[in-house]
C-alpha atoms as a PDB file:
ATOM      1  CA  MET A   1       0.000   0.000   0.000  1.00  0.00           C
ATOM      2  CA  ALA A   2       2.871   2.352   0.817  1.00  0.00           C
ATOM      3  CA  SER A   3       4.206   2.009  -2.735  1.00  0.00           C
ATOM      4  CA  LEU A   4       0.839   2.967  -4.244  1.00  0.00           C
ATOM      5  CA  ALA A   5       0.481   5.927  -1.885  1.00  0.00           C
ATOM      6  CA  THR A   6       3.968   7.143  -2.839  1.00  0.00           C
ATOM      7  CA  LEU A   7       3.198   6.869  -6.555  1.00  0.00           C
ATOM      8  CA  CYS A   8      -0.079   8.755  -6.056  1.00  0.00           C
ATOM      9  CA  LEU A   9       1.942  11.480  -4.364  1.00  0.00           C
ATOM     10  CA  TRP A  10       4.286  11.647  -7.369  1.00  0.00           C
ATOM     11  CA  ILE A  11       1.300  12.015  -9.675  1.00  0.00           C
ATOM     12  CA  LEU A  12       0.066  14.876  -7.500  1.00  0.00           C
ATOM     13  CA  ILE A  13       3.495  16.535  -7.691  1.00  0.00           C
ATOM     14  CA  HIS A  14       3.395  16.370 -11.499  1.00  0.00           C
ATOM     15  CA  PHE A  15      -0.116  17.844 -11.368  1.00  0.00           C
ATOM     16  CA  ILE A  16       1.131  20.771  -9.280  1.00  0.00           C
ATOM     17  CA  THR A  17       4.293  21.428 -11.312  1.00  0.00           C
ATOM     18  CA  GLY A  18       2.562  20.883 -14.647  1.00  0.00           C
ATOM     19  CA  THR A  19       5.590  19.344 -16.363  1.00  0.00           C
ATOM     20  CA  PRO A  20       4.316  18.181 -19.794  1.00  0.00           C
ATOM     21  CA  GLY A  21       4.436  14.408 -20.288  1.00  0.00           C
ATOM     22  CA  ALA A  22       6.288  13.611 -17.053  1.00  0.00           C
ATOM     23  CA  TRP A  23       3.224  12.057 -15.431  1.00  0.00           C
ATOM     24  CA  ARG A  24       2.869   9.305 -18.036  1.00  0.00           C
ATOM     25  CA  GLU A  25       5.786   7.237 -16.741  1.00  0.00           C
ATOM     26  CA  VAL A  26       4.374   7.360 -13.200  1.00  0.00           C
ATOM     27  CA  ILE A  27       0.970   6.195 -14.453  1.00  0.00           C
ATOM     28  CA  LYS A  28       2.712   3.330 -16.275  1.00  0.00           C
ATOM     29  CA  VAL A  29       4.683   2.275 -13.191  1.00  0.00           C
ATOM     30  CA  THR A  30       1.582   2.506 -10.995  1.00  0.00           C
ATOM     31  CA  ARG A  31      -0.500   0.450 -13.402  1.00  0.00           C
ATOM     32  CA  ASN A  32       2.243  -2.212 -13.520  1.00  0.00           C
ATOM     33  CA  LEU A  33       2.347  -2.301  -9.713  1.00  0.00           C
ATOM     34  CA  LEU A  34      -1.377  -2.959  -9.534  1.00  0.00           C
ATOM     35  CA  GLU A  35      -1.081  -5.622 -12.236  1.00  0.00           C
ATOM     36  CA  GLU A  36       1.419  -7.493 -10.051  1.00  0.00           C
ATOM     37  CA  THR A  37      -0.533  -7.075  -6.801  1.00  0.00           C
ATOM     38  CA  SER A  38      -3.467  -9.248  -5.768  1.00  0.00           C
ATOM     39  CA  ILE A  39      -6.745  -7.346  -5.703  1.00  0.00           C
ATOM     40  CA  ASP A  40      -7.330  -8.794  -2.210  1.00  0.00           C
ATOM     41  CA  THR A  41      -4.452  -6.670  -0.915  1.00  0.00           C
ATOM     42  CA  TRP A  42      -6.570  -3.538  -1.205  1.00  0.00           C
ATOM     43  CA  ASN A  43      -9.429  -5.042   0.803  1.00  0.00           C
ATOM     44  CA  GLN A  44      -7.298  -5.540   3.904  1.00  0.00           C
ATOM     45  CA  SER A  45      -7.926  -2.099   5.384  1.00  0.00           C
ATOM     46  CA  THR A  46     -10.024   1.004   4.835  1.00  0.00           C
ATOM     47  CA  THR A  47      -6.892   3.027   4.085  1.00  0.00           C
ATOM     48  CA  ALA A  48      -5.741   0.557   1.440  1.00  0.00           C
ATOM     49  CA  ALA A  49      -9.187   0.523  -0.188  1.00  0.00           C
ATOM     50  CA  LEU A  50      -9.396   4.318  -0.251  1.00  0.00           C
ATOM     51  CA  THR A  51      -5.899   4.593  -1.752  1.00  0.00           C
ATOM     52  CA  TYR A  52      -6.788   2.113  -4.492  1.00  0.00           C
ATOM     53  CA  GLN A  53     -10.096   3.814  -5.243  1.00  0.00           C
ATOM     54  CA  SER A  54      -8.428   7.218  -5.332  1.00  0.00           C
ATOM     55  CA  PHE A  55      -6.057   6.062  -8.063  1.00  0.00           C
ATOM     56  CA  SER A  56      -8.633   4.008  -9.972  1.00  0.00           C
ATOM     57  CA  SER A  57     -11.026   6.980 -10.096  1.00  0.00           C
ATOM     58  CA  ALA A  58      -8.279   9.205 -11.472  1.00  0.00           C
ATOM     59  CA  PHE A  59      -7.239   6.457 -13.904  1.00  0.00           C
ATOM     60  CA  ALA A  60     -10.761   6.283 -15.363  1.00  0.00           C
ATOM     61  CA  LEU A  61     -10.487   9.953 -16.348  1.00  0.00           C
ATOM     62  CA  VAL A  62      -6.815   9.944 -17.340  1.00  0.00           C
ATOM     63  CA  GLN A  63      -7.604   7.308 -19.975  1.00  0.00           C
ATOM     64  CA  SER A  64      -9.049  10.180 -22.029  1.00  0.00           C
ATOM     65  CA  GLN A  65      -5.499  11.426 -22.537  1.00  0.00           C
ATOM     66  CA  TYR A  66      -4.427   8.212 -24.261  1.00  0.00           C
ATOM     67  CA  LEU A  67      -6.995   8.518 -27.049  1.00  0.00           C
ATOM     68  CA  GLY A  68      -5.275   9.086 -30.370  1.00  0.00           C
ATOM     69  CA  ARG A  69      -2.021   7.552 -29.098  1.00  0.00           C
ATOM     70  CA  LEU A  70      -0.406   4.244 -29.993  1.00  0.00           C
ATOM     71  CA  GLU A  71       0.383   3.207 -26.417  1.00  0.00           C
ATOM     72  CA  PHE A  72      -2.092   3.081 -23.560  1.00  0.00           C
ATOM     73  CA  PRO A  73      -2.287   1.309 -20.177  1.00  0.00           C
ATOM     74  CA  ALA A  74      -4.263  -1.884 -19.644  1.00  0.00           C
ATOM     75  CA  PRO A  75      -7.758  -1.604 -18.122  1.00  0.00           C
ATOM     76  CA  LEU A  76      -8.156  -1.366 -14.355  1.00  0.00           C
ATOM     77  CA  LYS A  77     -11.113  -2.115 -12.094  1.00  0.00           C
ATOM     78  CA  THR A  78     -12.626   1.149 -10.879  1.00  0.00           C
ATOM     79  CA  TYR A  79     -14.070  -0.519  -7.786  1.00  0.00           C
ATOM     80  CA  LEU A  80     -13.125  -3.213  -5.295  1.00  0.00           C
ATOM     81  CA  PRO A  81     -15.318  -6.316  -4.925  1.00  0.00           C
ATOM     82  CA  GLY A  82     -17.300  -6.128  -1.703  1.00  0.00           C
ATOM     83  CA  VAL A  83     -16.439  -2.484  -1.020  1.00  0.00           C
ATOM     84  CA  GLU A  84     -19.309  -0.033  -1.416  1.00  0.00           C
ATOM     85  CA  MET A  85     -18.332   3.465  -2.468  1.00  0.00           C
ATOM     86  CA  SER A  86     -19.952   6.330  -0.578  1.00  0.00           C
ATOM     87  CA  LYS A  87     -23.010   7.828  -2.265  1.00  0.00           C
ATOM     88  CA  SER A  88     -21.955  11.277  -1.099  1.00  0.00           C
ATOM     89  CA  GLN A  89     -18.796  11.320  -3.215  1.00  0.00           C
ATOM     90  CA  ILE A  90     -18.520  14.177  -5.712  1.00  0.00           C
ATOM     91  CA  MET A  91     -18.103  11.811  -8.661  1.00  0.00           C
ATOM     92  CA  PRO A  92     -21.158   9.515  -8.877  1.00  0.00           C
ATOM     93  CA  ALA A  93     -19.984   5.918  -9.241  1.00  0.00           C
ATOM     94  CA  GLN A  94     -22.281   5.145 -12.174  1.00  0.00           C
ATOM     95  CA  SER A  95     -21.126   8.123 -14.247  1.00  0.00           C
ATOM     96  CA  LEU A  96     -17.483   7.400 -13.426  1.00  0.00           C
ATOM     97  CA  GLU A  97     -17.866   3.753 -14.442  1.00  0.00           C
ATOM     98  CA  LEU A  98     -19.478   4.816 -17.730  1.00  0.00           C
ATOM     99  CA  VAL A  99     -16.627   7.210 -18.531  1.00  0.00           C
ATOM    100  CA  TYR A 100     -14.171   4.405 -17.796  1.00  0.00           C
ATOM    101  CA  SER A 101     -16.104   1.926 -19.957  1.00  0.00           C
ATOM    102  CA  PHE A 102     -16.418   4.423 -22.809  1.00  0.00           C
ATOM    103  CA  ASN A 103     -12.718   5.309 -22.718  1.00  0.00           C
ATOM    104  CA  SER A 104     -11.700   1.644 -22.564  1.00  0.00           C
ATOM    105  CA  LYS A 105     -13.808   0.853 -25.627  1.00  0.00           C
ATOM    106  CA  LEU A 106     -12.406   3.830 -27.564  1.00  0.00           C
ATOM    107  CA  LEU A 107      -8.844   2.784 -26.776  1.00  0.00           C
ATOM    108  CA  GLN A 108      -9.525  -0.667 -28.185  1.00  0.00           C
ATOM    109  CA  ALA A 109     -11.492   0.541 -31.235  1.00  0.00           C
ATOM    110  CA  PRO A 110     -11.698   4.257 -32.168  1.00  0.00           C
ATOM    111  CA  CYS A 111     -15.043   3.699 -33.924  1.00  0.00           C
ATOM    112  CA  LEU A 112     -17.699   1.907 -31.881  1.00  0.00           C
ATOM    113  CA  SER A 113     -20.630   0.088 -33.427  1.00  0.00           C
ATOM    114  CA  PRO A 114     -24.006   1.869 -33.592  1.00  0.00           C
ATOM    115  CA  GLU A 115     -25.395  -0.711 -31.149  1.00  0.00           C
ATOM    116  CA  GLU A 116     -22.646  -0.002 -28.592  1.00  0.00           C
ATOM    117  CA  LEU A 117     -23.153   3.733 -28.960  1.00  0.00           C
ATOM    118  CA  ASP A 118     -26.919   3.379 -28.580  1.00  0.00           C
ATOM    119  CA  GLN A 119     -26.466   1.460 -25.341  1.00  0.00           C
ATOM    120  CA  LEU A 120     -23.876   3.871 -23.959  1.00  0.00           C
ATOM    121  CA  GLU A 121     -25.964   6.891 -24.888  1.00  0.00           C
ATOM    122  CA  ILE A 122     -28.930   5.521 -22.962  1.00  0.00           C
ATOM    123  CA  GLU A 123     -26.773   4.607 -19.964  1.00  0.00           C
ATOM    124  CA  PHE A 124     -25.096   8.023 -19.843  1.00  0.00           C
ATOM    125  CA  ALA A 125     -28.451   9.788 -20.042  1.00  0.00           C
ATOM    126  CA  LEU A 126     -29.924   7.629 -17.270  1.00  0.00           C
ATOM    127  CA  SER A 127     -26.920   7.877 -14.935  1.00  0.00           C
ATOM    128  CA  MET A 128     -28.164  11.016 -13.179  1.00  0.00           C
ATOM    129  CA  PRO A 129     -27.144  10.701  -9.513  1.00  0.00           C
ATOM    130  CA  GLU A 130     -29.799   9.901  -6.948  1.00  0.00           C
ATOM    131  CA  PRO A 131     -30.880  12.914  -4.883  1.00  0.00           C
ATOM    132  CA  SER A 132     -29.109  12.987  -1.545  1.00  0.00           C
ATOM    133  CA  THR A 133     -31.501  12.243   1.315  1.00  0.00           C
ATOM    134  CA  ASP A 134     -29.902  15.000   3.393  1.00  0.00           C
ATOM    135  CA  PHE A 135     -29.668  17.653   0.642  1.00  0.00           C
ATOM    136  CA  ASP A 136     -30.250  21.112   2.106  1.00  0.00           C
ATOM    137  CA  THR A 137     -29.631  24.292   0.087  1.00  0.00           C
ATOM    138  CA  ARG A 138     -29.057  26.160   3.356  1.00  0.00           C
ATOM    139  CA  ASN A 139     -26.212  23.827   4.282  1.00  0.00           C
ATOM    140  CA  THR A 140     -22.989  24.678   2.427  1.00  0.00           C
ATOM    141  CA  ASP A 141     -21.517  21.173   2.542  1.00  0.00           C
ATOM    142  CA  SER A 142     -24.748  19.573   1.352  1.00  0.00           C
ATOM    143  CA  ALA A 143     -25.135  22.121  -1.456  1.00  0.00           C
ATOM    144  CA  MET A 144     -21.540  21.600  -2.600  1.00  0.00           C
ATOM    145  CA  VAL A 145     -22.026  17.829  -2.840  1.00  0.00           C
ATOM    146  CA  HIS A 146     -25.179  18.407  -4.900  1.00  0.00           C
ATOM    147  CA  HIS A 147     -23.434  20.761  -7.348  1.00  0.00           C
ATOM    148  CA  HIS A 148     -20.312  18.576  -7.611  1.00  0.00           C
ATOM    149  CA  ARG A 149     -22.354  15.468  -8.401  1.00  0.00           C
ATOM    150  CA  SER A 150     -24.640  17.241 -10.868  1.00  0.00           C
ATOM    151  CA  LEU A 151     -21.649  18.869 -12.551  1.00  0.00           C
ATOM    152  CA  PHE A 152     -19.881  15.552 -13.017  1.00  0.00           C
ATOM    153  CA  TYR A 153     -23.016  13.965 -14.460  1.00  0.00           C
ATOM    154  CA  TYR A 154     -23.503  16.679 -17.088  1.00  0.00           C
ATOM    155  CA  ALA A 155     -19.770  16.914 -17.853  1.00  0.00           C
ATOM    156  CA  SER A 156     -19.667  13.135 -18.416  1.00  0.00           C
ATOM    157  CA  LEU A 157     -22.703  13.251 -20.705  1.00  0.00           C
ATOM    158  CA  LEU A 158     -21.135  16.158 -22.593  1.00  0.00           C
ATOM    159  CA  TYR A 159     -17.864  14.222 -22.889  1.00  0.00           C
ATOM    160  CA  PHE A 160     -19.667  11.226 -24.370  1.00  0.00           C
ATOM    161  CA  LYS A 161     -21.565  13.279 -26.937  1.00  0.00           C
ATOM    162  CA  CYS A 162     -18.479  15.163 -28.104  1.00  0.00           C
ATOM    163  CA  ASN A 163     -16.173  12.142 -28.313  1.00  0.00           C
ATOM    164  CA  SER A 164     -18.536   9.504 -29.691  1.00  0.00           C
ATOM    165  CA  GLY A 165     -19.402  11.034 -33.044  1.00  0.00           C
ATOM    166  CA  ARG A 166     -22.885  11.801 -31.725  1.00  0.00           C
ATOM    167  CA  ARG A 167     -22.386  15.460 -30.948  1.00  0.00           C
ATOM    168  CA  GLY A 168     -25.847  16.438 -32.186  1.00  0.00           C
ATOM    169  CA  PRO A 169     -27.177  19.997 -32.641  1.00  0.00           C
ATOM    170  CA  GLU A 170     -24.688  22.631 -31.485  1.00  0.00           C
ATOM    171  CA  GLN A 171     -27.418  24.481 -29.602  1.00  0.00           C
ATOM    172  CA  GLU A 172     -27.909  21.445 -27.366  1.00  0.00           C
ATOM    173  CA  ILE A 173     -24.162  21.192 -26.729  1.00  0.00           C
ATOM    174  CA  GLN A 174     -23.938  24.838 -25.714  1.00  0.00           C
ATOM    175  CA  SER A 175     -26.982  24.439 -23.479  1.00  0.00           C
ATOM    176  CA  MET A 176     -25.239  21.561 -21.719  1.00  0.00           C
ATOM    177  CA  VAL A 177     -22.039  23.606 -21.385  1.00  0.00           C
ATOM    178  CA  SER A 178     -24.087  26.430 -19.872  1.00  0.00           C
ATOM    179  CA  ARG A 179     -25.638  24.080 -17.339  1.00  0.00           C
ATOM    180  CA  CYS A 180     -22.176  22.839 -16.318  1.00  0.00           C
ATOM    181  CA  VAL A 181     -20.869  26.392 -15.977  1.00  0.00           C
ATOM    182  CA  ASP A 182     -23.856  27.243 -13.772  1.00  0.00           C
ATOM    183  CA  HIS A 183     -22.849  24.463 -11.366  1.00  0.00           C
ATOM    184  CA  MET A 184     -19.201  25.601 -11.469  1.00  0.00           C
ATOM    185  CA  GLU A 185     -20.210  29.143 -10.567  1.00  0.00           C
ATOM    186  CA  HIS A 186     -22.428  27.937  -7.734  1.00  0.00           C
ATOM    187  CA  LEU A 187     -19.473  25.980  -6.346  1.00  0.00           C
ATOM    188  CA  GLU A 188     -17.294  29.075  -6.566  1.00  0.00           C
ATOM    189  CA  LEU A 189     -19.868  31.085  -4.607  1.00  0.00           C
ATOM    190  CA  LEU A 190     -20.151  28.389  -1.951  1.00  0.00           C
ATOM    191  CA  GLN A 191     -16.383  28.160  -1.471  1.00  0.00           C
ATOM    192  CA  ASN A 192     -13.778  30.487  -2.934  1.00  0.00           C
ATOM    193  CA  ASN A 193     -11.199  28.632  -5.027  1.00  0.00           C
ATOM    194  CA  SER A 194     -13.162  25.402  -4.834  1.00  0.00           C
ATOM    195  CA  SER A 195     -11.486  23.068  -7.267  1.00  0.00           C
ATOM    196  CA  PRO A 196     -13.533  20.605  -9.313  1.00  0.00           C
ATOM    197  CA  ASN A 197     -10.976  18.427 -11.043  1.00  0.00           C
ATOM    198  CA  THR A 198      -9.232  19.536 -14.204  1.00  0.00           C
ATOM    199  CA  TRP A 199     -10.802  16.761 -16.282  1.00  0.00           C
ATOM    200  CA  ILE A 200     -14.238  18.254 -15.633  1.00  0.00           C
ATOM    201  CA  TYR A 201     -12.987  21.722 -16.567  1.00  0.00           C
ATOM    202  CA  ALA A 202     -11.488  20.305 -19.762  1.00  0.00           C
ATOM    203  CA  ALA A 203     -14.644  18.408 -20.744  1.00  0.00           C
ATOM    204  CA  VAL A 204     -16.682  21.599 -20.354  1.00  0.00           C
ATOM    205  CA  ALA A 205     -14.297  24.391 -21.386  1.00  0.00           C
ATOM    206  CA  PHE A 206     -13.142  22.872 -24.679  1.00  0.00           C
ATOM    207  CA  GLU A 207     -16.770  22.767 -25.880  1.00  0.00           C
ATOM    208  CA  ALA A 208     -17.651  26.385 -25.012  1.00  0.00           C
ATOM    209  CA  ALA A 209     -18.317  28.135 -28.319  1.00  0.00           C
ATOM    210  CA  THR A 210     -20.187  31.352 -27.516  1.00  0.00           C
ATOM    211  CA  PRO A 211     -18.485  34.579 -26.358  1.00  0.00           C
ATOM    212  CA  GLU A 212     -20.533  34.563 -23.155  1.00  0.00           C
ATOM    213  CA  LEU A 213     -19.632  30.997 -22.172  1.00  0.00           C
ATOM    214  CA  ARG A 214     -15.974  31.552 -23.000  1.00  0.00           C
ATOM    215  CA  TYR A 215     -15.937  34.714 -20.893  1.00  0.00           C
ATOM    216  CA  ARG A 216     -17.432  32.819 -17.956  1.00  0.00           C
ATOM    217  CA  MET A 217     -14.915  29.997 -18.363  1.00  0.00           C
ATOM    218  CA  ARG A 218     -11.986  32.425 -18.471  1.00  0.00           C
ATOM    219  CA  HIS A 219     -13.274  34.018 -15.272  1.00  0.00           C
ATOM    220  CA  LEU A 220     -13.455  30.625 -13.569  1.00  0.00           C
ATOM    221  CA  PHE A 221      -9.926  29.796 -14.742  1.00  0.00           C
ATOM    222  CA  SER A 222      -8.702  33.119 -13.331  1.00  0.00           C
ATOM    223  CA  LYS A 223      -9.864  31.919  -9.902  1.00  0.00           C
ATOM    224  CA  ARG A 224      -7.733  28.801 -10.270  1.00  0.00           C
ATOM    225  CA  LYS A 225      -4.566  30.905 -10.612  1.00  0.00           C
ATOM    226  CA  LEU A 226      -4.746  31.585  -6.886  1.00  0.00           C
ATOM    227  CA  LEU A 227      -4.198  27.875  -6.232  1.00  0.00           C
ATOM    228  CA  GLY A 228      -0.628  28.041  -7.560  1.00  0.00           C
ATOM    229  CA  ILE A 229      -1.033  24.832  -9.582  1.00  0.00           C
ATOM    230  CA  ALA A 230       0.705  25.054 -12.960  1.00  0.00           C
ATOM    231  CA  THR A 231      -1.581  22.512 -14.632  1.00  0.00           C
ATOM    232  CA  TRP A 232      -4.491  24.966 -14.478  1.00  0.00           C
ATOM    233  CA  ASP A 233      -2.498  27.590 -16.403  1.00  0.00           C
ATOM    234  CA  THR A 234      -1.448  25.056 -19.044  1.00  0.00           C
ATOM    235  CA  LEU A 235      -4.996  23.773 -19.416  1.00  0.00           C
ATOM    236  CA  LEU A 236      -6.272  27.290 -20.116  1.00  0.00           C
ATOM    237  CA  LEU A 237      -3.593  27.741 -22.798  1.00  0.00           C
ATOM    238  CA  ALA A 238      -4.723  24.453 -24.372  1.00  0.00           C
ATOM    239  CA  VAL A 239      -8.362  25.547 -24.231  1.00  0.00           C
ATOM    240  CA  GLU A 240      -7.562  28.862 -25.935  1.00  0.00           C
ATOM    241  CA  GLU A 241      -5.636  26.999 -28.646  1.00  0.00           C
ATOM    242  CA  VAL A 242      -8.507  24.593 -29.308  1.00  0.00           C
ATOM    243  CA  TRP A 243     -10.974  27.492 -29.421  1.00  0.00           C
ATOM    244  CA  MET A 244      -8.811  29.256 -31.990  1.00  0.00           C
ATOM    245  CA  ARG A 245      -8.491  26.127 -34.136  1.00  0.00           C
ATOM    246  CA  ARG A 246     -12.217  25.524 -34.091  1.00  0.00           C
ATOM    247  CA  ASP A 247     -13.014  29.157 -34.889  1.00  0.00           C
ATOM    248  CA  THR A 248     -10.793  29.056 -37.969  1.00  0.00           C
ATOM    249  CA  ALA A 249     -11.856  25.578 -39.153  1.00  0.00           C
ATOM    250  CA  HIS A 250     -14.192  25.076 -42.093  1.00  0.00           C
ATOM    251  CA  SER A 251     -17.818  25.354 -41.035  1.00  0.00           C
ATOM    252  CA  GLY A 252     -20.230  22.524 -41.669  1.00  0.00           C
ATOM    253  CA  PHE A 253     -18.056  19.851 -40.073  1.00  0.00           C
ATOM    254  CA  ALA A 254     -18.270  18.560 -36.512  1.00  0.00           C
ATOM    255  CA  PRO A 255     -15.330  19.783 -34.399  1.00  0.00           C
ATOM    256  CA  LYS A 256     -12.492  17.327 -33.923  1.00  0.00           C
ATOM    257  CA  PRO A 257     -12.723  15.885 -30.374  1.00  0.00           C
ATOM    258  CA  TRP A 258     -10.494  17.774 -27.955  1.00  0.00           C
ATOM    259  CA  THR A 259      -8.923  14.507 -26.813  1.00  0.00           C
ATOM    260  CA  ARG A 260      -7.571  13.949 -30.336  1.00  0.00           C
ATOM    261  CA  VAL A 261      -6.401  17.553 -30.652  1.00  0.00           C
ATOM    262  CA  LEU A 262      -4.477  17.375 -27.366  1.00  0.00           C
ATOM    263  CA  ALA A 263      -2.704  14.235 -28.597  1.00  0.00           C
ATOM    264  CA  GLU A 264      -1.130  16.457 -31.276  1.00  0.00           C
ATOM    265  CA  MET A 265       0.064  19.117 -28.801  1.00  0.00           C
ATOM    266  CA  PRO A 266       2.725  17.661 -26.465  1.00  0.00           C
ATOM    267  CA  GLU A 267       3.453  21.089 -24.990  1.00  0.00           C
ATOM    268  CA  PHE A 268       0.047  20.928 -23.258  1.00  0.00           C
ATOM    269  CA  ASP A 269       0.356  17.321 -22.060  1.00  0.00           C
ATOM    270  CA  VAL A 270      -0.421  17.832 -18.362  1.00  0.00           C
ATOM    271  CA  ILE A 271      -2.395  15.316 -16.341  1.00  0.00           C
ATOM    272  CA  LEU A 272      -6.119  15.999 -16.071  1.00  0.00           C
ATOM    273  CA  TYR A 273      -7.752  14.391 -13.067  1.00  0.00           C
END
């Protein structure tokens, strides 16, 4: 367990320093460690289970950054048998599992069958988190959990639509982006410098296409500067670059998925989790 905790710390260090590409070797080493370790090891204590689940949750999202690349890590269970994940977590288990499943399928075959896409589309749409039994808008902690969970649900659905070839009408995409930004802004009001993970920001920000939504995203990114984490600055640069490319691209064609664009820009290769 100590080895996994140390590797997770190294990943965090690369997240803070924002060194492009450096995190990939740590992910590879960590994945190899888990491959060689019995899954029962992580059921031996609460601390071990939480450490495993912390990495596996991040791994499910980080898979997005291997799309469009020749090498990618082997799949990893996002949950431990017999261990129930808390329903109050900010990333609903069902949505997280769907993102992992979708990414795993895309890594194996860039073009999924219509039947697979139909099934995934239904599952993503129906994965809305259950309302918390203790949700109270007057309670800051309860409200933050609500907005975090709702944000992750809509960001995951947006990610699926924009990376599956089923983007649909642009008006619907921008409406979904707007809904995500609303939740982000509520979180910012509830707690200054609250930090939904960078993957969520990427999934939402890259798709913002209107001046208003881009202005709101830039404002939210400006709040992240106070955290002193270099990855946030690099992510904003990547977002601005993708916006520029899309604005100057030929109209009438669906935008190239941001995951594929990032694969062509190693200078922006910071870990998003």
